[in-house]
Amino acid sequence: MVNSNLTVINYPDSIGAACDFQLFSFPLGGHRTYRGLPHNPNYGMGPLVGSPCDTLTVGINENDEKNDVFFQAWYNHEWNMIHVNASKLKGKSGVLRLFDVEGRVVVERKVDVIAGGYFTTEIVMNGIASGVYIVSLTTEKDKVQGKILKF
């Protein structure tokens, strides 16, 4: 679906009609969007002390501090998939694995790193239960990983 406007919820903390839901009310200035905009939450903002989110570790970059590789994995609820991005990887190929909390491999695939050390892919989560997962990318010279929460 192609659209030149976005739908807006003016008061997302309000219940029912009080949220002021406006269908296709925000114009994109002549630009178009396909299927809406991606939901990219910023989990790097840190905890709000005392809130239920104070204990979450979802999407935190857990790379070795000495390693300059950028690695990011996040779950998109609307598309039911994990998006994985990496850059500055050393090596030409590797293995992408998705582990459950008990250490079992849920998804495993061989991958190629493109010129410049860049990598991007999606993992479709159809048939995979909600929960916490570890996404791991291992090349000949690097190993990076991160946690995601499927809900």
N, C-alpha and C. Protein backbone atom coordinates (compact mmCIF):
# COMPACT_ATOMS: atom_id res chain seq x y z
N MET A 1 0.84 -1.17 0.00
CA MET A 1 0.00 0.00 0.00
C MET A 1 0.89 1.24 0.00
N VAL A 2 0.67 2.13 -0.93
CA VAL A 2 1.42 3.37 -1.03
C VAL A 2 0.55 4.49 -0.48
N ASN A 3 1.16 5.37 0.32
CA ASN A 3 0.38 6.44 0.92
C ASN A 3 1.22 7.70 0.99
N SER A 4 0.57 8.83 0.85
CA SER A 4 1.24 10.12 0.95
C SER A 4 0.95 10.81 2.28
N ASN A 5 0.25 10.13 3.17
CA ASN A 5 -0.10 10.67 4.49
C ASN A 5 0.07 9.58 5.54
N LEU A 6 0.33 10.00 6.76
CA LEU A 6 0.43 9.06 7.88
C LEU A 6 -0.75 9.24 8.81
N THR A 7 -1.13 8.15 9.47
CA THR A 7 -2.17 8.20 10.49
C THR A 7 -1.53 8.65 11.80
N VAL A 8 -2.29 9.41 12.60
CA VAL A 8 -1.74 9.98 13.83
C VAL A 8 -2.65 9.64 15.01
N ILE A 9 -2.03 9.28 16.13
CA ILE A 9 -2.74 9.18 17.41
C ILE A 9 -2.24 10.35 18.24
N ASN A 10 -3.07 11.38 18.36
CA ASN A 10 -2.64 12.62 19.00
C ASN A 10 -2.40 12.49 20.49
N TYR A 11 -3.17 11.63 21.17
CA TYR A 11 -3.02 11.45 22.61
C TYR A 11 -2.92 9.95 22.92
N PRO A 12 -1.73 9.35 22.68
CA PRO A 12 -1.59 7.89 22.81
C PRO A 12 -1.79 7.36 24.23
N ASP A 13 -1.71 8.21 25.24
CA ASP A 13 -1.91 7.76 26.61
C ASP A 13 -3.38 7.78 27.03
N SER A 14 -4.26 8.26 26.15
CA SER A 14 -5.69 8.32 26.46
C SER A 14 -6.40 7.09 25.90
N ILE A 15 -7.48 6.72 26.55
CA ILE A 15 -8.21 5.50 26.19
C ILE A 15 -9.36 5.81 25.25
N GLY A 16 -9.59 4.91 24.28
CA GLY A 16 -10.74 5.00 23.39
C GLY A 16 -10.69 6.24 22.51
N ALA A 17 -11.87 6.84 22.31
CA ALA A 17 -11.99 8.00 21.43
C ALA A 17 -11.18 9.20 21.92
N ALA A 18 -10.85 9.22 23.22
CA ALA A 18 -10.07 10.34 23.77
C ALA A 18 -8.65 10.38 23.21
N CYS A 19 -8.20 9.30 22.57
CA CYS A 19 -6.84 9.29 22.01
C CYS A 19 -6.75 10.17 20.76
N ASP A 20 -7.88 10.57 20.17
CA ASP A 20 -7.94 11.44 18.99
C ASP A 20 -7.19 10.82 17.81
N PHE A 21 -7.64 9.64 17.39
CA PHE A 21 -7.08 8.92 16.25
C PHE A 21 -7.49 9.63 14.96
N GLN A 22 -6.52 10.00 14.13
CA GLN A 22 -6.78 10.72 12.88
C GLN A 22 -6.21 9.92 11.71
N LEU A 23 -7.08 9.32 10.91
CA LEU A 23 -6.67 8.49 9.79
C LEU A 23 -6.08 9.35 8.67
N PHE A 24 -4.86 9.04 8.24
CA PHE A 24 -4.17 9.70 7.12
C PHE A 24 -4.21 11.23 7.23
N SER A 25 -3.89 11.75 8.40
CA SER A 25 -4.01 13.19 8.63
C SER A 25 -2.69 13.95 8.57
N PHE A 26 -1.57 13.25 8.50
CA PHE A 26 -0.28 13.93 8.50
C PHE A 26 0.35 13.81 7.11
N PRO A 27 0.40 14.91 6.35
CA PRO A 27 0.95 14.84 4.98
C PRO A 27 2.47 14.71 4.99
N LEU A 28 2.98 13.98 4.01
CA LEU A 28 4.42 13.74 3.91
C LEU A 28 5.10 14.70 2.93
N GLY A 29 4.45 15.79 2.60
CA GLY A 29 5.06 16.82 1.76
C GLY A 29 5.40 16.34 0.36
N GLY A 30 4.54 15.53 -0.23
CA GLY A 30 4.77 15.04 -1.58
C GLY A 30 5.53 13.73 -1.64
N HIS A 31 6.06 13.27 -0.50
CA HIS A 31 6.76 11.99 -0.45
C HIS A 31 5.77 10.87 -0.20
N ARG A 32 6.21 9.62 -0.40
CA ARG A 32 5.33 8.47 -0.21
C ARG A 32 5.96 7.49 0.77
N THR A 33 5.10 6.71 1.39
CA THR A 33 5.55 5.63 2.26
C THR A 33 4.87 4.35 1.80
N TYR A 34 5.58 3.25 1.94
CA TYR A 34 5.06 1.95 1.57
C TYR A 34 4.84 1.15 2.86
N ARG A 35 3.60 0.78 3.14
CA ARG A 35 3.24 0.04 4.35
C ARG A 35 3.49 0.84 5.63
N GLY A 36 3.56 2.12 5.59
CA GLY A 36 3.82 2.92 6.79
C GLY A 36 5.30 3.03 7.08
N LEU A 37 5.62 3.59 8.21
CA LEU A 37 7.02 3.75 8.62
C LEU A 37 7.41 2.62 9.56
N PRO A 38 8.69 2.23 9.57
CA PRO A 38 9.10 1.15 10.48
C PRO A 38 9.04 1.61 11.93
N HIS A 39 8.78 0.67 12.79
CA HIS A 39 8.77 0.93 14.23
C HIS A 39 10.17 0.63 14.75
N ASN A 40 10.95 1.66 15.01
CA ASN A 40 12.33 1.51 15.47
C ASN A 40 12.48 2.12 16.85
N PRO A 41 12.09 1.40 17.89
CA PRO A 41 12.23 1.96 19.24
C PRO A 41 13.69 2.17 19.61
N ASN A 42 13.94 3.15 20.42
CA ASN A 42 15.29 3.43 20.90
C ASN A 42 15.45 2.82 22.28
N TYR A 43 15.98 1.58 22.32
CA TYR A 43 16.17 0.90 23.59
C TYR A 43 17.44 1.37 24.30
N GLY A 44 18.21 2.23 23.68
CA GLY A 44 19.45 2.68 24.28
C GLY A 44 19.28 3.89 25.18
N MET A 45 18.05 4.24 25.51
CA MET A 45 17.81 5.43 26.30
C MET A 45 18.08 5.24 27.79
N GLY A 46 18.22 3.98 28.22
CA GLY A 46 18.46 3.72 29.62
C GLY A 46 17.17 3.56 30.39
N PRO A 47 17.23 3.05 31.61
CA PRO A 47 16.02 2.77 32.37
C PRO A 47 15.41 4.03 32.97
N LEU A 48 14.10 4.00 33.14
CA LEU A 48 13.40 5.01 33.92
C LEU A 48 13.29 4.40 35.31
N VAL A 49 14.10 4.84 36.23
CA VAL A 49 14.23 4.22 37.54
C VAL A 49 12.87 4.11 38.22
N GLY A 50 12.56 2.89 38.66
CA GLY A 50 11.31 2.64 39.35
C GLY A 50 10.18 2.21 38.44
N SER A 51 10.35 2.31 37.13
CA SER A 51 9.30 1.90 36.20
C SER A 51 9.45 0.41 35.89
N PRO A 52 8.40 -0.21 35.29
CA PRO A 52 8.53 -1.62 34.89
C PRO A 52 9.65 -1.82 33.87
N CYS A 53 10.00 -0.78 33.12
CA CYS A 53 11.06 -0.89 32.12
C CYS A 53 12.45 -0.84 32.73
N ASP A 54 12.53 -0.64 34.02
CA ASP A 54 13.81 -0.54 34.71
C ASP A 54 14.62 -1.83 34.60
N THR A 55 13.96 -2.96 34.36
CA THR A 55 14.66 -4.24 34.33
C THR A 55 14.89 -4.76 32.92
N LEU A 56 14.40 -4.07 31.90
CA LEU A 56 14.55 -4.57 30.54
C LEU A 56 15.98 -4.44 30.04
N THR A 57 16.40 -5.43 29.27
CA THR A 57 17.71 -5.38 28.62
C THR A 57 17.55 -5.64 27.14
N VAL A 58 16.39 -5.35 26.60
CA VAL A 58 16.07 -5.65 25.21
C VAL A 58 16.82 -4.72 24.28
N GLY A 59 17.48 -5.29 23.28
CA GLY A 59 18.11 -4.50 22.24
C GLY A 59 19.40 -3.82 22.66
N ILE A 60 19.93 -4.15 23.79
CA ILE A 60 21.17 -3.51 24.23
C ILE A 60 22.34 -4.08 23.45
N ASN A 61 23.20 -3.23 22.97
CA ASN A 61 24.38 -3.65 22.24
C ASN A 61 25.38 -4.22 23.24
N GLU A 62 25.69 -5.50 23.11
CA GLU A 62 26.56 -6.16 24.08
C GLU A 62 27.91 -6.52 23.48
N ASN A 63 28.37 -5.75 22.55
CA ASN A 63 29.65 -6.05 21.91
C ASN A 63 30.80 -5.82 22.87
N ASP A 64 31.87 -6.50 22.60
CA ASP A 64 33.11 -6.30 23.35
C ASP A 64 33.56 -4.86 23.13
N GLU A 65 33.86 -4.18 24.20
CA GLU A 65 34.23 -2.76 24.11
C GLU A 65 35.46 -2.54 23.23
N LYS A 66 36.35 -3.51 23.12
CA LYS A 66 37.55 -3.35 22.31
C LYS A 66 37.25 -3.52 20.83
N ASN A 67 36.13 -4.14 20.53
CA ASN A 67 35.75 -4.41 19.15
C ASN A 67 35.02 -3.19 18.59
N ASP A 68 35.40 -2.72 17.41
CA ASP A 68 34.76 -1.54 16.84
C ASP A 68 33.60 -1.90 15.92
N VAL A 69 33.19 -3.16 15.91
CA VAL A 69 32.07 -3.60 15.07
C VAL A 69 30.77 -3.02 15.61
N PHE A 70 29.95 -2.50 14.71
CA PHE A 70 28.61 -2.05 15.07
C PHE A 70 27.66 -3.20 14.81
N PHE A 71 26.83 -3.56 15.78
CA PHE A 71 25.86 -4.64 15.62
C PHE A 71 24.56 -4.23 16.29
N GLN A 72 23.46 -4.44 15.58
CA GLN A 72 22.16 -4.07 16.11
C GLN A 72 21.13 -5.09 15.64
N ALA A 73 20.30 -5.56 16.55
CA ALA A 73 19.21 -6.47 16.21
C ALA A 73 17.98 -6.00 16.98
N TRP A 74 16.84 -5.93 16.30
CA TRP A 74 15.61 -5.53 16.97
C TRP A 74 14.43 -6.25 16.34
N TYR A 75 13.41 -6.45 17.15
CA TYR A 75 12.20 -7.15 16.71
C TYR A 75 11.15 -6.15 16.27
N ASN A 76 10.56 -6.39 15.09
CA ASN A 76 9.48 -5.56 14.57
C ASN A 76 8.19 -6.36 14.73
N HIS A 77 7.35 -5.94 15.67
CA HIS A 77 6.13 -6.66 15.99
C HIS A 77 5.15 -6.70 14.82
N GLU A 78 5.01 -5.61 14.09
CA GLU A 78 4.06 -5.55 12.97
C GLU A 78 4.43 -6.52 11.87
N TRP A 79 5.68 -6.67 11.57
CA TRP A 79 6.12 -7.54 10.48
C TRP A 79 6.53 -8.92 10.98
N ASN A 80 6.55 -9.11 12.31
CA ASN A 80 6.91 -10.37 12.95
C ASN A 80 8.29 -10.85 12.46
N MET A 81 9.24 -9.94 12.50
CA MET A 81 10.59 -10.31 12.08
C MET A 81 11.64 -9.54 12.88
N ILE A 82 12.82 -10.13 12.91
CA ILE A 82 13.98 -9.49 13.54
C ILE A 82 14.81 -8.86 12.42
N HIS A 83 15.18 -7.61 12.61
CA HIS A 83 16.07 -6.91 11.68
C HIS A 83 17.47 -6.94 12.29
N VAL A 84 18.46 -7.28 11.47
CA VAL A 84 19.84 -7.38 11.94
C VAL A 84 20.72 -6.52 11.03
N ASN A 85 21.51 -5.63 11.63
CA ASN A 85 22.46 -4.79 10.89
C ASN A 85 23.82 -4.87 11.56
N ALA A 86 24.87 -4.85 10.75
CA ALA A 86 26.23 -4.82 11.28
C ALA A 86 27.12 -4.08 10.29
N SER A 87 28.15 -3.47 10.80
CA SER A 87 29.14 -2.83 9.94
C SER A 87 30.51 -2.97 10.60
N LYS A 88 31.54 -2.75 9.80
CA LYS A 88 32.93 -2.89 10.22
C LYS A 88 33.29 -4.32 10.61
N LEU A 89 32.58 -5.28 10.00
CA LEU A 89 32.90 -6.69 10.24
C LEU A 89 34.17 -7.07 9.50
N LYS A 90 34.93 -7.94 10.09
CA LYS A 90 36.12 -8.48 9.43
C LYS A 90 35.78 -9.90 8.99
N GLY A 91 36.08 -10.23 7.76
CA GLY A 91 35.75 -11.53 7.22
C GLY A 91 34.77 -11.38 6.06
N LYS A 92 34.64 -12.44 5.29
CA LYS A 92 33.79 -12.40 4.10
C LYS A 92 32.52 -13.21 4.25
N SER A 93 32.49 -14.11 5.21
CA SER A 93 31.30 -14.93 5.42
C SER A 93 31.17 -15.23 6.90
N GLY A 94 30.02 -15.76 7.27
CA GLY A 94 29.80 -16.07 8.67
C GLY A 94 28.56 -16.90 8.86
N VAL A 95 28.17 -17.02 10.12
CA VAL A 95 26.98 -17.76 10.50
C VAL A 95 26.14 -16.89 11.41
N LEU A 96 24.86 -16.78 11.07
CA LEU A 96 23.89 -16.04 11.88
C LEU A 96 23.07 -17.07 12.64
N ARG A 97 22.99 -16.93 13.95
CA ARG A 97 22.22 -17.87 14.77
C ARG A 97 21.27 -17.11 15.68
N LEU A 98 20.12 -17.72 15.91
CA LEU A 98 19.15 -17.22 16.87
C LEU A 98 19.00 -18.31 17.93
N PHE A 99 19.32 -17.96 19.19
CA PHE A 99 19.25 -18.90 20.30
C PHE A 99 18.07 -18.55 21.20
N ASP A 100 17.41 -19.57 21.78
CA ASP A 100 16.41 -19.29 22.80
C ASP A 100 17.12 -19.16 24.15
N VAL A 101 16.36 -18.90 25.22
CA VAL A 101 16.98 -18.66 26.53
C VAL A 101 17.63 -19.91 27.11
N GLU A 102 17.30 -21.08 26.57
CA GLU A 102 17.92 -22.31 27.04
C GLU A 102 19.14 -22.70 26.21
N GLY A 103 19.54 -21.84 25.28
CA GLY A 103 20.74 -22.06 24.49
C GLY A 103 20.54 -22.92 23.25
N ARG A 104 19.30 -23.26 22.94
CA ARG A 104 19.02 -24.05 21.74
C ARG A 104 19.04 -23.15 20.51
N VAL A 105 19.59 -23.66 19.41
CA VAL A 105 19.60 -22.91 18.16
C VAL A 105 18.21 -23.01 17.54
N VAL A 106 17.58 -21.85 17.33
CA VAL A 106 16.24 -21.79 16.74
C VAL A 106 16.35 -21.56 15.24
N VAL A 107 17.28 -20.69 14.83
CA VAL A 107 17.53 -20.39 13.42
C VAL A 107 19.04 -20.37 13.22
N GLU A 108 19.50 -20.94 12.12
CA GLU A 108 20.92 -20.88 11.78
C GLU A 108 21.03 -20.79 10.27
N ARG A 109 21.82 -19.83 9.80
CA ARG A 109 22.04 -19.72 8.36
C ARG A 109 23.42 -19.15 8.07
N LYS A 110 23.99 -19.62 6.99
CA LYS A 110 25.27 -19.08 6.52
C LYS A 110 24.98 -17.77 5.81
N VAL A 111 25.88 -16.79 6.02
CA VAL A 111 25.66 -15.46 5.47
C VAL A 111 26.95 -14.94 4.84
N ASP A 112 26.80 -13.98 3.96
CA ASP A 112 27.94 -13.31 3.34
C ASP A 112 28.01 -11.87 3.83
N VAL A 113 29.22 -11.40 4.06
CA VAL A 113 29.46 -10.01 4.44
C VAL A 113 29.83 -9.27 3.16
N ILE A 114 29.16 -8.15 2.91
CA ILE A 114 29.44 -7.41 1.67
C ILE A 114 30.65 -6.50 1.87
N ALA A 115 31.16 -5.99 0.77
CA ALA A 115 32.36 -5.15 0.77
C ALA A 115 32.22 -4.03 1.81
N GLY A 116 33.27 -3.79 2.52
CA GLY A 116 33.26 -2.75 3.56
C GLY A 116 32.84 -3.28 4.92
N GLY A 117 32.55 -4.57 5.01
CA GLY A 117 32.19 -5.16 6.29
C GLY A 117 30.74 -4.96 6.69
N TYR A 118 29.85 -4.73 5.72
CA TYR A 118 28.45 -4.48 6.03
C TYR A 118 27.63 -5.76 5.94
N PHE A 119 26.61 -5.84 6.80
CA PHE A 119 25.71 -6.99 6.80
C PHE A 119 24.34 -6.52 7.22
N THR A 120 23.30 -6.98 6.53
CA THR A 120 21.93 -6.71 6.92
C THR A 120 21.05 -7.87 6.48
N THR A 121 20.10 -8.22 7.32
CA THR A 121 19.17 -9.29 6.98
C THR A 121 17.96 -9.21 7.90
N GLU A 122 16.98 -10.05 7.62
CA GLU A 122 15.81 -10.19 8.47
C GLU A 122 15.64 -11.66 8.82
N ILE A 123 15.10 -11.92 10.00
CA ILE A 123 14.74 -13.28 10.41
C ILE A 123 13.24 -13.28 10.64
N VAL A 124 12.51 -14.01 9.81
CA VAL A 124 11.06 -14.11 9.96
C VAL A 124 10.76 -15.00 11.16
N MET A 125 9.88 -14.55 12.05
CA MET A 125 9.62 -15.23 13.31
C MET A 125 8.30 -16.02 13.32
N ASN A 126 7.76 -16.34 12.15
CA ASN A 126 6.53 -17.13 12.09
C ASN A 126 6.77 -18.49 12.74
N GLY A 127 5.86 -18.90 13.60
CA GLY A 127 5.97 -20.20 14.26
C GLY A 127 6.95 -20.24 15.41
N ILE A 128 7.54 -19.12 15.77
CA ILE A 128 8.49 -19.06 16.87
C ILE A 128 7.81 -18.35 18.04
N ALA A 129 7.86 -18.96 19.21
CA ALA A 129 7.15 -18.47 20.39
C ALA A 129 7.68 -17.12 20.87
N SER A 130 6.84 -16.39 21.59
CA SER A 130 7.25 -15.15 22.23
C SER A 130 8.30 -15.45 23.29
N GLY A 131 9.21 -14.52 23.52
CA GLY A 131 10.22 -14.71 24.54
C GLY A 131 11.48 -13.93 24.25
N VAL A 132 12.51 -14.18 25.03
CA VAL A 132 13.81 -13.52 24.88
C VAL A 132 14.71 -14.42 24.04
N TYR A 133 15.40 -13.83 23.08
CA TYR A 133 16.28 -14.57 22.19
C TYR A 133 17.63 -13.85 22.08
N ILE A 134 18.67 -14.61 21.75
CA ILE A 134 20.00 -14.06 21.49
C ILE A 134 20.26 -14.19 20.00
N VAL A 135 20.62 -13.08 19.36
CA VAL A 135 21.01 -13.08 17.96
C VAL A 135 22.53 -13.00 17.93
N SER A 136 23.16 -13.96 17.25
CA SER A 136 24.62 -14.03 17.22
C SER A 136 25.10 -14.07 15.77
N LEU A 137 26.11 -13.28 15.47
CA LEU A 137 26.73 -13.27 14.14
C LEU A 137 28.22 -13.54 14.33
N THR A 138 28.70 -14.63 13.72
CA THR A 138 30.10 -15.03 13.84
C THR A 138 30.72 -15.06 12.46
N THR A 139 31.83 -14.33 12.27
CA THR A 139 32.60 -14.38 11.03
C THR A 139 33.93 -15.04 11.35
N GLU A 140 34.83 -15.06 10.37
CA GLU A 140 36.14 -15.65 10.59
C GLU A 140 36.92 -14.93 11.70
N LYS A 141 36.64 -13.63 11.91
CA LYS A 141 37.43 -12.84 12.85
C LYS A 141 36.61 -12.12 13.91
N ASP A 142 35.28 -12.10 13.81
CA ASP A 142 34.43 -11.37 14.75
C ASP A 142 33.31 -12.25 15.26
N LYS A 143 32.85 -11.95 16.48
CA LYS A 143 31.63 -12.53 17.01
C LYS A 143 30.91 -11.43 17.77
N VAL A 144 29.68 -11.14 17.34
CA VAL A 144 28.87 -10.12 17.98
C VAL A 144 27.50 -10.71 18.28
N GLN A 145 26.84 -10.17 19.29
CA GLN A 145 25.53 -10.68 19.64
C GLN A 145 24.71 -9.63 20.37
N GLY A 146 23.42 -9.86 20.41
CA GLY A 146 22.51 -8.97 21.10
C GLY A 146 21.25 -9.72 21.50
N LYS A 147 20.52 -9.15 22.46
CA LYS A 147 19.26 -9.74 22.92
C LYS A 147 18.08 -9.06 22.24
N ILE A 148 17.04 -9.84 21.99
CA ILE A 148 15.78 -9.28 21.50
C ILE A 148 14.64 -9.90 22.26
N LEU A 149 13.52 -9.22 22.27
CA LEU A 149 12.31 -9.70 22.92
C LEU A 149 11.23 -9.79 21.89
N LYS A 150 10.73 -11.00 21.63
CA LYS A 150 9.57 -11.18 20.74
C LYS A 150 8.35 -11.18 21.63
N PHE A 151 7.38 -10.31 21.29
CA PHE A 151 6.16 -10.24 22.09
C PHE A 151 4.95 -10.37 21.23
